[in-house]
Amino acid sequence: MPRLREVPRAEVTDEKILFFYDRLFGPDKDPAVDHGTIHATPGDWWTVFAQSPDVFRHAVRGFSLYRNATLDPLLRELGQSRSGYARGSQFVFSQHCKQMRSLGMPEEKIAAVPHWQISDRFTELERAVLAYTDGLVYDGGRVPDEVFAVLKANLRDSEILELTYITCLYDMHATMCRALRLEFDDRPEPVAEVEIPAGVEIRDLSADLSG
């Protein structure tokens, strides 16, 4: 379950939230109780973000940026999917793999996003987009001049700004989904101490390894 309470339909008064409740879940469903969007996701991103109508509206306005963006949608989605993978968000990665597929990205390219560094499936520009994304997410914006030069040679300045903004936006969404355990990121912490089996003596590990 998400770490924050989901807002049931009966408590929602904001028209924008109700619009998306109807659009994504159906007008007869309470998405906080009857989970599942038309896109086959749990949908608790929407019901948790409904805690703050201002935050909800701000986030949704970010999605509408796509309508007027001039950046090639496949490059945009390549950055978004890689940002989800790099940040460790199964939700963001999974959703944008599906979006790449719907835009016509070949399956072999989608499968190669996690190991793009050793794949020969991508063009020079696509590799630069992936490297740029890694610089934004892994290195906090530390991007080599050589990577940026490829972007400059192929994209307008406005398109590079769009790529940067949208990729960083989804880095934020990936981080929030993990922190709040939303959607496909509702998973237990994978790194935990493995208990010693019953009957096994606890010894001084460092002494045994050092001889």
N, C-alpha and C. Protein backbone atom coordinates (compact mmCIF):
# COMPACT_ATOMS: atom_id res chain seq x y z
N MET A 1 0.83 -1.20 0.00
CA MET A 1 0.00 0.00 0.00
C MET A 1 0.87 1.26 0.00
N PRO A 2 0.36 2.35 -0.58
CA PRO A 2 1.12 3.60 -0.52
C PRO A 2 1.34 4.05 0.92
N ARG A 3 2.36 4.86 1.12
CA ARG A 3 2.67 5.34 2.45
C ARG A 3 1.78 6.52 2.88
N LEU A 4 1.06 7.10 1.94
CA LEU A 4 0.11 8.16 2.25
C LEU A 4 -1.30 7.69 1.93
N ARG A 5 -2.26 8.28 2.62
CA ARG A 5 -3.66 7.89 2.43
C ARG A 5 -4.15 8.27 1.03
N GLU A 6 -4.93 7.39 0.46
CA GLU A 6 -5.57 7.69 -0.82
C GLU A 6 -6.88 8.45 -0.56
N VAL A 7 -7.17 9.39 -1.44
CA VAL A 7 -8.35 10.23 -1.26
C VAL A 7 -9.53 9.63 -2.01
N PRO A 8 -10.57 9.22 -1.30
CA PRO A 8 -11.72 8.63 -1.98
C PRO A 8 -12.51 9.68 -2.77
N ARG A 9 -13.25 9.21 -3.74
CA ARG A 9 -14.02 10.10 -4.60
C ARG A 9 -14.95 11.02 -3.81
N ALA A 10 -15.56 10.50 -2.75
CA ALA A 10 -16.54 11.28 -1.99
C ALA A 10 -15.92 12.51 -1.33
N GLU A 11 -14.61 12.50 -1.13
CA GLU A 11 -13.96 13.63 -0.49
C GLU A 11 -13.41 14.66 -1.48
N VAL A 12 -13.46 14.34 -2.76
CA VAL A 12 -12.86 15.21 -3.77
C VAL A 12 -13.85 16.29 -4.19
N THR A 13 -13.41 17.54 -4.13
CA THR A 13 -14.23 18.66 -4.60
C THR A 13 -13.57 19.39 -5.77
N ASP A 14 -12.29 19.15 -5.99
CA ASP A 14 -11.57 19.82 -7.06
C ASP A 14 -11.98 19.23 -8.42
N GLU A 15 -12.38 20.09 -9.34
CA GLU A 15 -12.88 19.63 -10.63
C GLU A 15 -11.81 18.92 -11.47
N LYS A 16 -10.58 19.39 -11.37
CA LYS A 16 -9.50 18.77 -12.15
C LYS A 16 -9.25 17.34 -11.68
N ILE A 17 -9.26 17.13 -10.37
CA ILE A 17 -9.06 15.78 -9.84
C ILE A 17 -10.21 14.87 -10.25
N LEU A 18 -11.44 15.37 -10.13
CA LEU A 18 -12.60 14.57 -10.52
C LEU A 18 -12.56 14.23 -12.01
N PHE A 19 -12.08 15.16 -12.82
CA PHE A 19 -11.97 14.91 -14.26
C PHE A 19 -11.06 13.71 -14.51
N PHE A 20 -9.92 13.66 -13.85
CA PHE A 20 -9.00 12.55 -14.07
C PHE A 20 -9.48 11.27 -13.40
N TYR A 21 -10.16 11.37 -12.28
CA TYR A 21 -10.77 10.18 -11.69
C TYR A 21 -11.73 9.54 -12.71
N ASP A 22 -12.57 10.38 -13.34
CA ASP A 22 -13.52 9.88 -14.32
C ASP A 22 -12.81 9.34 -15.56
N ARG A 23 -11.82 10.09 -16.05
CA ARG A 23 -11.16 9.76 -17.31
C ARG A 23 -10.35 8.48 -17.21
N LEU A 24 -9.65 8.29 -16.09
CA LEU A 24 -8.72 7.18 -15.97
C LEU A 24 -9.31 5.94 -15.29
N PHE A 25 -10.33 6.13 -14.48
CA PHE A 25 -10.91 4.99 -13.75
C PHE A 25 -12.34 4.69 -14.17
N GLY A 26 -13.06 5.69 -14.66
CA GLY A 26 -14.47 5.55 -14.98
C GLY A 26 -15.32 6.28 -13.95
N PRO A 27 -16.41 6.86 -14.38
CA PRO A 27 -17.22 7.70 -13.49
C PRO A 27 -17.92 6.94 -12.37
N ASP A 28 -18.01 5.64 -12.48
CA ASP A 28 -18.73 4.84 -11.48
C ASP A 28 -17.80 4.16 -10.48
N LYS A 29 -16.50 4.46 -10.55
CA LYS A 29 -15.54 3.80 -9.66
C LYS A 29 -14.98 4.78 -8.64
N ASP A 30 -14.75 4.28 -7.43
CA ASP A 30 -14.00 5.04 -6.44
C ASP A 30 -12.57 4.52 -6.51
N PRO A 31 -11.66 5.27 -7.13
CA PRO A 31 -10.31 4.75 -7.38
C PRO A 31 -9.48 4.50 -6.13
N ALA A 32 -9.90 5.07 -5.00
CA ALA A 32 -9.19 4.81 -3.75
C ALA A 32 -9.57 3.45 -3.17
N VAL A 33 -10.65 2.87 -3.67
CA VAL A 33 -11.12 1.57 -3.19
C VAL A 33 -11.04 0.51 -4.29
N ASP A 34 -11.55 0.87 -5.45
CA ASP A 34 -11.57 -0.04 -6.60
C ASP A 34 -10.42 0.33 -7.52
N HIS A 35 -9.26 -0.24 -7.27
CA HIS A 35 -8.05 0.16 -7.97
C HIS A 35 -8.02 -0.35 -9.41
N GLY A 36 -7.25 0.36 -10.23
CA GLY A 36 -7.03 -0.08 -11.60
C GLY A 36 -7.47 0.97 -12.61
N THR A 37 -6.49 1.51 -13.34
CA THR A 37 -6.80 2.50 -14.37
C THR A 37 -7.04 1.80 -15.71
N ILE A 38 -7.46 2.60 -16.68
CA ILE A 38 -7.65 2.06 -18.03
C ILE A 38 -6.33 1.68 -18.68
N HIS A 39 -5.22 2.11 -18.07
CA HIS A 39 -3.90 1.77 -18.58
C HIS A 39 -3.28 0.59 -17.82
N ALA A 40 -4.09 -0.12 -17.06
CA ALA A 40 -3.65 -1.33 -16.34
C ALA A 40 -2.60 -1.04 -15.27
N THR A 41 -2.70 0.12 -14.63
CA THR A 41 -1.86 0.45 -13.48
C THR A 41 -2.73 0.51 -12.23
N PRO A 42 -2.16 0.34 -11.04
CA PRO A 42 -2.98 0.44 -9.83
C PRO A 42 -3.71 1.77 -9.71
N GLY A 43 -3.03 2.88 -10.06
CA GLY A 43 -3.69 4.17 -10.04
C GLY A 43 -3.53 4.97 -8.78
N ASP A 44 -2.73 4.48 -7.83
CA ASP A 44 -2.65 5.21 -6.56
C ASP A 44 -1.78 6.46 -6.64
N TRP A 45 -1.06 6.67 -7.76
CA TRP A 45 -0.40 7.97 -7.97
C TRP A 45 -1.43 9.08 -7.91
N TRP A 46 -2.56 8.86 -8.59
CA TRP A 46 -3.61 9.88 -8.69
C TRP A 46 -4.32 10.09 -7.36
N THR A 47 -4.61 9.02 -6.67
CA THR A 47 -5.37 9.14 -5.42
C THR A 47 -4.53 9.68 -4.28
N VAL A 48 -3.21 9.47 -4.32
CA VAL A 48 -2.32 10.05 -3.31
C VAL A 48 -2.03 11.51 -3.62
N PHE A 49 -1.76 11.83 -4.89
CA PHE A 49 -1.53 13.22 -5.25
C PHE A 49 -2.76 14.08 -5.01
N ALA A 50 -3.92 13.45 -4.94
CA ALA A 50 -5.15 14.20 -4.65
C ALA A 50 -5.16 14.78 -3.24
N GLN A 51 -4.21 14.37 -2.39
CA GLN A 51 -4.08 14.97 -1.06
C GLN A 51 -3.91 16.50 -1.15
N SER A 52 -3.25 16.96 -2.21
CA SER A 52 -3.02 18.38 -2.40
C SER A 52 -3.48 18.78 -3.80
N PRO A 53 -4.62 19.42 -3.95
CA PRO A 53 -5.07 19.85 -5.27
C PRO A 53 -4.05 20.74 -5.99
N ASP A 54 -3.31 21.55 -5.24
CA ASP A 54 -2.31 22.42 -5.87
C ASP A 54 -1.17 21.59 -6.47
N VAL A 55 -0.69 20.61 -5.70
CA VAL A 55 0.37 19.73 -6.22
C VAL A 55 -0.16 18.92 -7.40
N PHE A 56 -1.37 18.42 -7.29
CA PHE A 56 -1.99 17.63 -8.36
C PHE A 56 -2.04 18.44 -9.65
N ARG A 57 -2.55 19.67 -9.55
CA ARG A 57 -2.68 20.51 -10.74
C ARG A 57 -1.32 20.86 -11.33
N HIS A 58 -0.35 21.13 -10.49
CA HIS A 58 0.99 21.46 -10.96
C HIS A 58 1.59 20.26 -11.71
N ALA A 59 1.42 19.06 -11.17
CA ALA A 59 1.96 17.86 -11.81
C ALA A 59 1.28 17.61 -13.15
N VAL A 60 -0.03 17.76 -13.20
CA VAL A 60 -0.76 17.51 -14.44
C VAL A 60 -0.40 18.55 -15.51
N ARG A 61 -0.18 19.79 -15.10
CA ARG A 61 0.26 20.80 -16.07
C ARG A 61 1.60 20.41 -16.70
N GLY A 62 2.44 19.74 -15.92
CA GLY A 62 3.71 19.27 -16.47
C GLY A 62 3.51 18.27 -17.60
N PHE A 63 2.50 17.40 -17.47
CA PHE A 63 2.21 16.43 -18.52
C PHE A 63 1.78 17.12 -19.81
N SER A 64 1.08 18.24 -19.70
CA SER A 64 0.56 18.93 -20.88
C SER A 64 1.66 19.59 -21.70
N LEU A 65 2.87 19.63 -21.16
CA LEU A 65 4.01 20.19 -21.89
C LEU A 65 4.22 19.47 -23.22
N TYR A 66 3.86 18.19 -23.28
CA TYR A 66 4.08 17.40 -24.49
C TYR A 66 3.36 17.98 -25.71
N ARG A 67 2.22 18.64 -25.48
CA ARG A 67 1.40 19.09 -26.60
C ARG A 67 2.15 20.07 -27.50
N ASN A 68 2.94 20.94 -26.91
CA ASN A 68 3.62 21.97 -27.69
C ASN A 68 5.12 21.75 -27.84
N ALA A 69 5.63 20.67 -27.29
CA ALA A 69 7.05 20.39 -27.38
C ALA A 69 7.43 20.03 -28.81
N THR A 70 8.61 20.45 -29.22
CA THR A 70 9.08 20.15 -30.58
C THR A 70 10.06 18.99 -30.61
N LEU A 71 10.52 18.55 -29.46
CA LEU A 71 11.45 17.42 -29.38
C LEU A 71 10.79 16.15 -29.90
N ASP A 72 11.53 15.35 -30.65
CA ASP A 72 11.04 14.06 -31.13
C ASP A 72 10.54 13.25 -29.93
N PRO A 73 9.27 12.81 -29.94
CA PRO A 73 8.72 12.07 -28.80
C PRO A 73 9.52 10.83 -28.43
N LEU A 74 10.13 10.17 -29.42
CA LEU A 74 10.91 8.97 -29.12
C LEU A 74 12.17 9.32 -28.32
N LEU A 75 12.78 10.46 -28.62
CA LEU A 75 13.93 10.88 -27.82
C LEU A 75 13.49 11.25 -26.41
N ARG A 76 12.35 11.91 -26.31
CA ARG A 76 11.79 12.25 -25.00
C ARG A 76 11.56 11.00 -24.17
N GLU A 77 10.93 9.99 -24.78
CA GLU A 77 10.61 8.77 -24.06
C GLU A 77 11.86 7.96 -23.73
N LEU A 78 12.86 8.06 -24.59
CA LEU A 78 14.12 7.38 -24.30
C LEU A 78 14.73 7.94 -23.02
N GLY A 79 14.71 9.27 -22.88
CA GLY A 79 15.20 9.89 -21.65
C GLY A 79 14.36 9.54 -20.45
N GLN A 80 13.05 9.50 -20.63
CA GLN A 80 12.17 9.19 -19.50
C GLN A 80 12.33 7.75 -19.03
N SER A 81 12.40 6.83 -19.97
CA SER A 81 12.53 5.43 -19.57
C SER A 81 13.87 5.18 -18.89
N ARG A 82 14.94 5.77 -19.45
CA ARG A 82 16.25 5.60 -18.83
C ARG A 82 16.31 6.26 -17.46
N SER A 83 15.65 7.40 -17.30
CA SER A 83 15.65 8.06 -15.98
C SER A 83 14.94 7.18 -14.96
N GLY A 84 13.86 6.51 -15.37
CA GLY A 84 13.18 5.59 -14.46
C GLY A 84 14.06 4.43 -14.07
N TYR A 85 14.78 3.88 -15.07
CA TYR A 85 15.68 2.76 -14.78
C TYR A 85 16.82 3.20 -13.87
N ALA A 86 17.43 4.34 -14.20
CA ALA A 86 18.57 4.82 -13.42
C ALA A 86 18.18 5.15 -11.98
N ARG A 87 16.98 5.67 -11.79
CA ARG A 87 16.53 6.03 -10.45
C ARG A 87 15.97 4.81 -9.71
N GLY A 88 15.79 3.70 -10.41
CA GLY A 88 15.29 2.49 -9.77
C GLY A 88 13.79 2.47 -9.59
N SER A 89 13.07 3.18 -10.44
CA SER A 89 11.60 3.19 -10.37
C SER A 89 11.03 2.24 -11.41
N GLN A 90 10.47 1.15 -10.94
CA GLN A 90 9.87 0.19 -11.86
C GLN A 90 8.67 0.81 -12.57
N PHE A 91 7.96 1.69 -11.88
CA PHE A 91 6.78 2.32 -12.47
C PHE A 91 7.16 3.23 -13.64
N VAL A 92 8.07 4.17 -13.42
CA VAL A 92 8.45 5.10 -14.48
C VAL A 92 9.10 4.35 -15.65
N PHE A 93 9.99 3.43 -15.35
CA PHE A 93 10.63 2.66 -16.42
C PHE A 93 9.60 1.87 -17.22
N SER A 94 8.71 1.17 -16.54
CA SER A 94 7.73 0.32 -17.21
C SER A 94 6.78 1.14 -18.07
N GLN A 95 6.27 2.25 -17.53
CA GLN A 95 5.31 3.05 -18.27
C GLN A 95 5.92 3.64 -19.55
N HIS A 96 7.16 4.03 -19.48
CA HIS A 96 7.74 4.69 -20.64
C HIS A 96 8.33 3.70 -21.63
N CYS A 97 8.59 2.48 -21.20
CA CYS A 97 8.84 1.42 -22.17
C CYS A 97 7.58 1.20 -23.01
N LYS A 98 6.44 1.16 -22.36
CA LYS A 98 5.17 0.97 -23.08
C LYS A 98 4.90 2.14 -24.01
N GLN A 99 5.21 3.35 -23.56
CA GLN A 99 4.99 4.51 -24.41
C GLN A 99 5.91 4.50 -25.63
N MET A 100 7.17 4.09 -25.44
CA MET A 100 8.06 3.96 -26.59
C MET A 100 7.50 2.95 -27.59
N ARG A 101 6.98 1.86 -27.08
CA ARG A 101 6.40 0.84 -27.95
C ARG A 101 5.22 1.41 -28.74
N SER A 102 4.39 2.19 -28.08
CA SER A 102 3.21 2.75 -28.75
C SER A 102 3.62 3.77 -29.82
N LEU A 103 4.83 4.35 -29.70
CA LEU A 103 5.32 5.30 -30.68
C LEU A 103 6.14 4.64 -31.78
N GLY A 104 6.29 3.32 -31.71
CA GLY A 104 6.97 2.60 -32.78
C GLY A 104 8.42 2.26 -32.53
N MET A 105 8.90 2.41 -31.29
CA MET A 105 10.28 2.03 -30.99
C MET A 105 10.43 0.52 -31.13
N PRO A 106 11.43 0.04 -31.87
CA PRO A 106 11.64 -1.40 -32.02
C PRO A 106 11.88 -2.08 -30.67
N GLU A 107 11.43 -3.31 -30.56
CA GLU A 107 11.54 -4.05 -29.31
C GLU A 107 12.99 -4.22 -28.87
N GLU A 108 13.89 -4.41 -29.83
CA GLU A 108 15.28 -4.63 -29.45
C GLU A 108 15.89 -3.38 -28.81
N LYS A 109 15.43 -2.22 -29.20
CA LYS A 109 15.92 -0.99 -28.57
C LYS A 109 15.36 -0.84 -27.15
N ILE A 110 14.09 -1.12 -26.99
CA ILE A 110 13.48 -1.04 -25.66
C ILE A 110 14.19 -1.99 -24.71
N ALA A 111 14.46 -3.20 -25.17
CA ALA A 111 15.14 -4.19 -24.33
C ALA A 111 16.55 -3.78 -23.99
N ALA A 112 17.16 -2.94 -24.82
CA ALA A 112 18.56 -2.56 -24.62
C ALA A 112 18.75 -1.33 -23.76
N VAL A 113 17.67 -0.67 -23.36
CA VAL A 113 17.81 0.55 -22.56
C VAL A 113 18.63 0.32 -21.28
N PRO A 114 18.43 -0.78 -20.54
CA PRO A 114 19.23 -0.98 -19.32
C PRO A 114 20.73 -1.12 -19.59
N HIS A 115 21.10 -1.65 -20.75
CA HIS A 115 22.52 -1.85 -21.05
C HIS A 115 22.91 -1.12 -22.33
N TRP A 116 22.41 0.09 -22.48
CA TRP A 116 22.61 0.83 -23.73
C TRP A 116 24.10 1.03 -24.05
N GLN A 117 24.94 1.07 -23.01
CA GLN A 117 26.37 1.37 -23.23
C GLN A 117 27.06 0.36 -24.14
N ILE A 118 26.59 -0.87 -24.16
CA ILE A 118 27.24 -1.91 -24.97
C ILE A 118 26.35 -2.37 -26.12
N SER A 119 25.28 -1.62 -26.39
CA SER A 119 24.36 -1.99 -27.47
C SER A 119 24.71 -1.24 -28.74
N ASP A 120 24.55 -1.92 -29.88
CA ASP A 120 24.76 -1.29 -31.18
C ASP A 120 23.43 -0.93 -31.84
N ARG A 121 22.36 -0.93 -31.07
CA ARG A 121 21.04 -0.69 -31.62
C ARG A 121 20.71 0.79 -31.78
N PHE A 122 21.43 1.64 -31.06
CA PHE A 122 21.06 3.05 -31.01
C PHE A 122 21.90 3.90 -31.95
N THR A 123 21.28 4.99 -32.45
CA THR A 123 22.01 5.95 -33.26
C THR A 123 22.93 6.78 -32.37
N GLU A 124 23.80 7.56 -32.99
CA GLU A 124 24.69 8.42 -32.22
C GLU A 124 23.90 9.39 -31.36
N LEU A 125 22.84 9.96 -31.91
CA LEU A 125 22.02 10.90 -31.14
C LEU A 125 21.32 10.20 -29.99
N GLU A 126 20.77 9.02 -30.24
CA GLU A 126 20.10 8.28 -29.17
C GLU A 126 21.08 7.93 -28.06
N ARG A 127 22.28 7.56 -28.41
CA ARG A 127 23.29 7.26 -27.39
C ARG A 127 23.63 8.51 -26.59
N ALA A 128 23.68 9.64 -27.27
CA ALA A 128 23.94 10.89 -26.56
C ALA A 128 22.81 11.23 -25.60
N VAL A 129 21.57 10.98 -26.02
CA VAL A 129 20.42 11.21 -25.14
C VAL A 129 20.50 10.32 -23.90
N LEU A 130 20.86 9.06 -24.10
CA LEU A 130 20.99 8.13 -22.98
C LEU A 130 22.14 8.52 -22.07
N ALA A 131 23.25 8.91 -22.65
CA ALA A 131 24.39 9.35 -21.84
C ALA A 131 24.06 10.63 -21.09
N TYR A 132 23.34 11.53 -21.74
CA TYR A 132 22.92 12.78 -21.11
C TYR A 132 21.99 12.50 -19.93
N THR A 133 21.07 11.56 -20.14
CA THR A 133 20.17 11.17 -19.05
C THR A 133 20.94 10.63 -17.86
N ASP A 134 21.93 9.79 -18.11
CA ASP A 134 22.75 9.26 -17.02
C ASP A 134 23.49 10.39 -16.31
N GLY A 135 23.96 11.38 -17.07
CA GLY A 135 24.61 12.52 -16.45
C GLY A 135 23.68 13.31 -15.56
N LEU A 136 22.42 13.42 -15.98
CA LEU A 136 21.43 14.14 -15.17
C LEU A 136 21.06 13.38 -13.92
N VAL A 137 20.79 12.08 -14.07
CA VAL A 137 20.27 11.29 -12.95
C VAL A 137 21.39 10.77 -12.05
N TYR A 138 22.35 10.08 -12.62
CA TYR A 138 23.42 9.48 -11.82
C TYR A 138 24.39 10.52 -11.28
N ASP A 139 24.71 11.52 -12.13
CA ASP A 139 25.79 12.45 -11.79
C ASP A 139 25.30 13.85 -11.44
N GLY A 140 24.00 14.01 -11.27
CA GLY A 140 23.46 15.29 -10.81
C GLY A 140 23.72 16.44 -11.75
N GLY A 141 23.76 16.18 -13.07
CA GLY A 141 23.95 17.23 -14.04
C GLY A 141 25.37 17.39 -14.54
N ARG A 142 26.25 16.55 -14.12
CA ARG A 142 27.64 16.59 -14.60
C ARG A 142 27.71 15.86 -15.93
N VAL A 143 27.75 16.63 -17.01
CA VAL A 143 27.67 16.07 -18.36
C VAL A 143 28.94 16.44 -19.14
N PRO A 144 29.65 15.46 -19.69
CA PRO A 144 30.85 15.76 -20.48
C PRO A 144 30.54 16.62 -21.70
N ASP A 145 31.48 17.48 -22.07
CA ASP A 145 31.32 18.33 -23.24
C ASP A 145 31.09 17.51 -24.50
N GLU A 146 31.72 16.35 -24.59
CA GLU A 146 31.59 15.52 -25.78
C GLU A 146 30.16 15.02 -25.98
N VAL A 147 29.49 14.70 -24.88
CA VAL A 147 28.09 14.27 -24.96
C VAL A 147 27.22 15.45 -25.40
N PHE A 148 27.44 16.58 -24.80
CA PHE A 148 26.62 17.75 -25.11
C PHE A 148 26.84 18.20 -26.55
N ALA A 149 28.05 18.02 -27.05
CA ALA A 149 28.35 18.42 -28.43
C ALA A 149 27.50 17.66 -29.44
N VAL A 150 27.24 16.38 -29.17
CA VAL A 150 26.39 15.59 -30.07
C VAL A 150 24.96 16.11 -30.03
N LEU A 151 24.48 16.44 -28.85
CA LEU A 151 23.13 17.02 -28.75
C LEU A 151 23.05 18.32 -29.54
N LYS A 152 24.07 19.18 -29.37
CA LYS A 152 24.08 20.47 -30.05
C LYS A 152 24.13 20.32 -31.57
N ALA A 153 24.79 19.28 -32.03
CA ALA A 153 24.93 19.07 -33.47
C ALA A 153 23.65 18.56 -34.11
N ASN A 154 22.73 18.05 -33.31
CA ASN A 154 21.53 17.40 -33.85
C ASN A 154 20.22 18.04 -33.41
N LEU A 155 20.23 18.80 -32.33
CA LEU A 155 19.00 19.36 -31.79
C LEU A 155 19.11 20.87 -31.65
N ARG A 156 17.96 21.53 -31.73
CA ARG A 156 17.92 22.95 -31.44
C ARG A 156 18.06 23.17 -29.94
N ASP A 157 18.47 24.36 -29.57
CA ASP A 157 18.64 24.67 -28.15
C ASP A 157 17.33 24.45 -27.40
N SER A 158 16.21 24.84 -28.01
CA SER A 158 14.92 24.67 -27.35
C SER A 158 14.61 23.20 -27.11
N GLU A 159 15.03 22.33 -28.03
CA GLU A 159 14.78 20.90 -27.87
C GLU A 159 15.66 20.32 -26.77
N ILE A 160 16.89 20.80 -26.66
CA ILE A 160 17.76 20.33 -25.58
C ILE A 160 17.19 20.77 -24.23
N LEU A 161 16.65 21.97 -24.17
CA LEU A 161 16.02 22.43 -22.93
C LEU A 161 14.82 21.56 -22.58
N GLU A 162 14.00 21.23 -23.58
CA GLU A 162 12.84 20.36 -23.34
C GLU A 162 13.29 18.99 -22.84
N LEU A 163 14.32 18.43 -23.49
CA LEU A 163 14.84 17.13 -23.07
C LEU A 163 15.33 17.19 -21.63
N THR A 164 16.05 18.23 -21.29
CA THR A 164 16.59 18.37 -19.93
C THR A 164 15.48 18.48 -18.92
N TYR A 165 14.51 19.34 -19.20
CA TYR A 165 13.42 19.58 -18.26
C TYR A 165 12.58 18.33 -18.04
N ILE A 166 12.19 17.70 -19.15
CA ILE A 166 11.31 16.53 -19.04
C ILE A 166 12.03 15.36 -18.37
N THR A 167 13.29 15.15 -18.70
CA THR A 167 14.04 14.06 -18.07
C THR A 167 14.17 14.30 -16.57
N CYS A 168 14.49 15.53 -16.18
CA CYS A 168 14.61 15.84 -14.75
C CYS A 168 13.26 15.75 -14.06
N LEU A 169 12.19 16.12 -14.76
CA LEU A 169 10.85 16.01 -14.20
C LEU A 169 10.53 14.56 -13.86
N TYR A 170 10.92 13.65 -14.74
CA TYR A 170 10.62 12.24 -14.48
C TYR A 170 11.60 11.59 -13.52
N ASP A 171 12.77 12.17 -13.38
CA ASP A 171 13.64 11.76 -12.28
C ASP A 171 12.94 12.07 -10.96
N MET A 172 12.30 13.26 -10.89
CA MET A 172 11.54 13.62 -9.69
C MET A 172 10.37 12.66 -9.45
N HIS A 173 9.61 12.38 -10.51
CA HIS A 173 8.48 11.47 -10.36
C HIS A 173 8.94 10.08 -9.92
N ALA A 174 10.05 9.62 -10.49
CA ALA A 174 10.58 8.31 -10.10
C ALA A 174 10.97 8.31 -8.62
N THR A 175 11.60 9.38 -8.17
CA THR A 175 12.01 9.48 -6.77
C THR A 175 10.80 9.50 -5.86
N MET A 176 9.79 10.28 -6.22
CA MET A 176 8.59 10.37 -5.39
C MET A 176 7.85 9.04 -5.33
N CYS A 177 7.77 8.36 -6.46
CA CYS A 177 7.08 7.06 -6.47
C CYS A 177 7.76 6.06 -5.56
N ARG A 178 9.08 6.07 -5.54
CA ARG A 178 9.81 5.16 -4.66
C ARG A 178 9.61 5.54 -3.20
N ALA A 179 9.71 6.84 -2.91
CA ALA A 179 9.60 7.28 -1.52
C ALA A 179 8.21 7.02 -0.94
N LEU A 180 7.17 7.23 -1.75
CA LEU A 180 5.79 7.08 -1.28
C LEU A 180 5.23 5.69 -1.58
N ARG A 181 6.03 4.86 -2.26
CA ARG A 181 5.63 3.50 -2.64
C ARG A 181 4.33 3.51 -3.45
N LEU A 182 4.40 4.25 -4.54
CA LEU A 182 3.24 4.36 -5.43
C LEU A 182 3.37 3.39 -6.60
N GLU A 183 2.21 2.97 -7.09
CA GLU A 183 2.11 2.18 -8.30
C GLU A 183 3.01 0.93 -8.23
N PHE A 184 3.85 0.70 -9.25
CA PHE A 184 4.69 -0.50 -9.28
C PHE A 184 5.92 -0.38 -8.37
N ASP A 185 6.04 0.76 -7.70
CA ASP A 185 7.15 0.94 -6.75
C ASP A 185 6.71 0.65 -5.31
N ASP A 186 5.56 0.04 -5.16
CA ASP A 186 5.10 -0.41 -3.84
C ASP A 186 5.73 -1.77 -3.56
N ARG A 187 7.00 -1.71 -3.21
CA ARG A 187 7.79 -2.93 -2.99
C ARG A 187 8.58 -2.80 -1.70
N PRO A 188 8.81 -3.90 -1.01
CA PRO A 188 9.61 -3.82 0.21
C PRO A 188 11.06 -3.51 -0.10
N GLU A 189 11.76 -2.98 0.86
CA GLU A 189 13.19 -2.70 0.72
C GLU A 189 13.94 -4.00 0.41
N PRO A 190 14.66 -4.05 -0.73
CA PRO A 190 15.32 -5.30 -1.11
C PRO A 190 16.59 -5.61 -0.32
N VAL A 191 17.19 -4.58 0.29
CA VAL A 191 18.44 -4.79 1.02
C VAL A 191 18.14 -4.87 2.51
N ALA A 192 18.19 -6.05 3.04
CA ALA A 192 17.94 -6.27 4.46
C ALA A 192 18.86 -7.39 4.94
N GLU A 193 19.15 -7.38 6.23
CA GLU A 193 20.02 -8.42 6.77
C GLU A 193 19.37 -9.79 6.63
N VAL A 194 20.16 -10.76 6.20
CA VAL A 194 19.70 -12.14 6.11
C VAL A 194 19.92 -12.80 7.46
N GLU A 195 18.86 -13.31 8.04
CA GLU A 195 18.97 -13.91 9.36
C GLU A 195 19.79 -15.20 9.32
N ILE A 196 20.56 -15.42 10.37
CA ILE A 196 21.34 -16.65 10.49
C ILE A 196 20.39 -17.81 10.81
N PRO A 197 20.54 -18.92 10.11
CA PRO A 197 19.65 -20.07 10.37
C PRO A 197 19.77 -20.55 11.81
N ALA A 198 18.69 -21.09 12.30
CA ALA A 198 18.67 -21.62 13.65
C ALA A 198 19.75 -22.70 13.82
N GLY A 199 20.44 -22.64 14.92
CA GLY A 199 21.46 -23.63 15.23
C GLY A 199 22.85 -23.28 14.74
N VAL A 200 22.97 -22.16 13.98
CA VAL A 200 24.29 -21.75 13.51
C VAL A 200 24.93 -20.82 14.53
N GLU A 201 26.18 -21.10 14.88
CA GLU A 201 26.89 -20.29 15.87
C GLU A 201 27.35 -18.97 15.25
N ILE A 202 27.12 -17.87 15.96
CA ILE A 202 27.59 -16.57 15.51
C ILE A 202 29.06 -16.42 15.89
N ARG A 203 29.91 -16.21 14.89
CA ARG A 203 31.34 -16.13 15.11
C ARG A 203 31.84 -14.73 14.73
N ASP A 204 33.09 -14.46 15.04
CA ASP A 204 33.74 -13.21 14.67
C ASP A 204 34.18 -13.32 13.22
N LEU A 205 33.40 -12.69 12.33
CA LEU A 205 33.64 -12.82 10.90
C LEU A 205 35.02 -12.26 10.51
N SER A 206 35.37 -11.11 11.05
CA SER A 206 36.65 -10.50 10.67
C SER A 206 37.83 -11.36 11.11
N ALA A 207 37.71 -12.00 12.28
CA ALA A 207 38.79 -12.84 12.76
C ALA A 207 38.92 -14.09 11.88
N ASP A 208 37.82 -14.66 11.46
CA ASP A 208 37.86 -15.84 10.63
C ASP A 208 38.44 -15.52 9.24
N LEU A 209 38.08 -14.36 8.69
CA LEU A 209 38.56 -14.03 7.35
C LEU A 209 40.03 -13.61 7.33
N SER A 210 40.47 -13.01 8.44
CA SER A 210 41.85 -12.54 8.47
C SER A 210 42.84 -13.64 8.83
N GLY A 211 42.32 -14.76 9.25
CA GLY A 211 43.20 -15.87 9.58
C GLY A 211 43.83 -15.75 10.95
